[in-house]
């Protein structure tokens, strides 16, 4: 997780070019993403990561932060429900994980250790999404 060495820096610094201020008519989500790019990585918590990941913002820097949290608490409730950070993380495009195969493998190990009853208790098609991630990421090893 060498990308965690930059916890005192922001995404605007690490993932150039710096973003211009958002237009006045953007959605609250886009305004929030712009704000989060100016916060040092070490200050981004689960809810902030839950916002950035589905927007695919600076994934080489954001994914290691999320995986670090998920290794400790895979079903962390970041914002909406138990396991929401895990589910947005596993739904990141495969190309992003190909840059971080060790992190993907570690996350696969955590997912495999989750009790089936817990996985089946997650909303919607979560079990299928987790299985798809494990199958896809396992091929990167």
Protein backbone atom coordinates (compact mmCIF):
# COMPACT_ATOMS: atom_id res chain seq x y z
CA UNK A 1 0.00 0.00 0.00
CA UNK A 2 2.80 2.36 -0.93
CA UNK A 3 0.31 4.97 -2.11
CA UNK A 4 -0.54 5.51 1.56
CA UNK A 5 2.79 7.27 2.01
CA UNK A 6 1.14 10.45 0.77
CA UNK A 7 -1.48 10.81 3.49
CA UNK A 8 -0.57 14.46 4.05
CA UNK A 9 -1.24 15.37 0.41
CA UNK A 10 -4.48 15.97 -1.46
CA UNK A 11 -5.84 14.34 -4.57
CA UNK A 12 -5.42 17.65 -6.38
CA UNK A 13 -1.70 17.40 -5.61
CA UNK A 14 -1.31 13.70 -6.37
CA UNK A 15 -3.68 13.32 -9.33
CA UNK A 16 -3.01 16.24 -11.68
CA UNK A 17 -4.24 18.37 -13.12
CA UNK A 18 -5.85 20.27 -10.28
CA UNK A 19 -9.53 20.58 -10.83
CA UNK A 20 -10.95 24.03 -11.47
CA UNK A 21 -13.65 25.19 -9.06
CA UNK A 22 -16.99 23.62 -9.92
CA UNK A 23 -19.51 25.56 -11.95
CA UNK A 24 -22.29 27.21 -10.02
CA UNK A 25 -24.95 24.92 -11.46
CA UNK A 26 -23.37 21.52 -10.66
CA UNK A 27 -25.07 18.91 -8.52
CA UNK A 28 -24.32 18.68 -4.80
CA UNK A 29 -22.47 15.41 -5.47
CA UNK A 30 -20.10 17.01 -7.98
CA UNK A 31 -19.53 19.94 -5.64
CA UNK A 32 -18.70 17.47 -2.84
CA UNK A 33 -16.26 15.53 -5.03
CA UNK A 34 -14.46 18.78 -5.84
CA UNK A 35 -14.24 19.55 -2.11
CA UNK A 36 -12.89 16.09 -1.31
CA UNK A 37 -10.05 16.47 -3.80
CA UNK A 38 -8.70 19.29 -1.61
CA UNK A 39 -8.67 17.29 1.65
CA UNK A 40 -5.46 15.45 2.66
CA UNK A 41 -5.79 11.71 2.05
CA UNK A 42 -5.23 10.96 5.74
CA UNK A 43 -8.38 12.90 6.60
CA UNK A 44 -10.66 11.02 4.21
CA UNK A 45 -12.95 8.69 6.12
CA UNK A 46 -15.26 5.89 5.00
CA UNK A 47 -18.07 8.24 3.92
CA UNK A 48 -15.72 10.35 1.81
CA UNK A 49 -14.24 7.25 0.18
CA UNK A 50 -17.79 5.98 -0.40
CA UNK A 51 -18.42 9.19 -2.33
CA UNK A 52 -15.21 9.19 -4.39
CA UNK A 53 -15.02 5.55 -5.43
CA UNK A 54 -18.22 5.27 -7.48
CA UNK A 55 -17.25 8.52 -9.20
CA UNK A 56 -13.93 6.82 -10.13
CA UNK A 57 -11.88 9.72 -8.82
CA UNK A 58 -8.12 9.07 -8.43
CA UNK A 59 -8.68 5.36 -7.85
CA UNK A 60 -4.96 4.48 -7.56
CA UNK A 61 -4.90 6.66 -4.42
CA UNK A 62 -8.42 6.11 -3.10
CA UNK A 63 -8.64 2.32 -3.40
CA UNK A 64 -5.69 1.64 -1.06
CA UNK A 65 -7.38 3.78 1.59
CA UNK A 66 -10.64 1.87 1.21
CA UNK A 67 -8.95 -1.53 1.25
CA UNK A 68 -7.06 -0.59 4.40
CA UNK A 69 -10.39 0.06 6.13
CA UNK A 70 -12.04 -3.03 4.64
CA UNK A 71 -9.25 -5.32 5.81
CA UNK A 72 -10.08 -4.27 9.37
CA UNK A 73 -13.87 -4.06 9.03
CA UNK A 74 -15.18 -5.50 5.76
CA UNK A 75 -18.81 -4.58 6.40
CA UNK A 76 -18.18 -1.04 7.60
CA UNK A 77 -21.21 1.21 7.24
CA UNK A 78 -19.67 4.16 5.43
CA UNK A 79 -22.79 6.14 4.75
CA UNK A 80 -25.88 4.24 3.66
CA UNK A 81 -25.84 0.68 5.05
CA UNK A 82 -23.59 -2.06 6.39
CA UNK A 83 -21.21 -3.15 3.62
CA UNK A 84 -21.75 -0.12 1.38
CA UNK A 85 -18.03 0.73 1.14
CA UNK A 86 -17.21 -2.87 0.28
CA UNK A 87 -19.82 -3.00 -2.47
CA UNK A 88 -18.75 0.22 -4.19
CA UNK A 89 -15.14 -0.93 -3.94
CA UNK A 90 -15.72 -4.29 -5.59
CA UNK A 91 -17.67 -2.62 -8.39
CA UNK A 92 -14.69 -0.55 -9.51
CA UNK A 93 -13.70 -1.34 -13.12
CA UNK A 94 -11.25 -4.21 -13.55
CA UNK A 95 -8.68 -1.87 -15.14
CA UNK A 96 -8.23 -0.07 -11.81
CA UNK A 97 -7.67 -3.35 -9.98
CA UNK A 98 -5.13 -4.46 -12.58
CA UNK A 99 -2.93 -1.62 -11.31
CA UNK A 100 -3.32 -2.87 -7.72
CA UNK A 101 -3.35 -6.68 -7.93
CA UNK A 102 -1.96 -7.22 -4.41
CA UNK A 103 -4.71 -5.10 -2.89
CA UNK A 104 -7.32 -6.93 -4.92
CA UNK A 105 -5.96 -10.27 -3.71
CA UNK A 106 -6.05 -9.12 -0.09
CA UNK A 107 -9.63 -7.95 -0.49
CA UNK A 108 -10.55 -11.30 -2.09
CA UNK A 109 -9.20 -13.07 1.00
CA UNK A 110 -11.38 -10.91 3.24
CA UNK A 111 -14.45 -11.51 1.10
CA UNK A 112 -13.88 -15.27 1.08
CA UNK A 113 -13.78 -15.25 4.89
CA UNK A 114 -17.19 -13.57 5.22
CA UNK A 115 -19.87 -15.94 6.50
CA UNK A 116 -22.37 -16.89 3.78
CA UNK A 117 -25.29 -15.80 5.95
CA UNK A 118 -23.77 -12.33 6.30
CA UNK A 119 -23.16 -12.01 2.56
CA UNK A 120 -26.70 -13.18 1.81
CA UNK A 121 -28.00 -10.53 4.22
CA UNK A 122 -26.53 -7.70 2.18
CA UNK A 123 -28.93 -5.79 -0.06
CA UNK A 124 -29.85 -6.64 -3.65
CA UNK A 125 -27.42 -8.63 -5.74
CA UNK A 126 -24.52 -8.09 -3.34
CA UNK A 127 -23.58 -11.77 -3.14
CA UNK A 128 -23.29 -11.92 -6.92
CA UNK A 129 -21.26 -8.70 -7.04
CA UNK A 130 -18.82 -10.05 -4.44
CA UNK A 131 -18.51 -13.38 -6.26
CA UNK A 132 -17.92 -11.57 -9.57
CA UNK A 133 -15.15 -9.49 -7.98
CA UNK A 134 -13.44 -12.56 -6.50
CA UNK A 135 -13.59 -14.39 -9.84
CA UNK A 136 -12.37 -11.40 -11.84
CA UNK A 137 -9.66 -10.33 -9.41
CA UNK A 138 -8.45 -13.89 -8.86
CA UNK A 139 -7.54 -14.01 -12.55
CA UNK A 140 -5.17 -11.05 -12.07
CA UNK A 141 -2.93 -12.96 -9.69
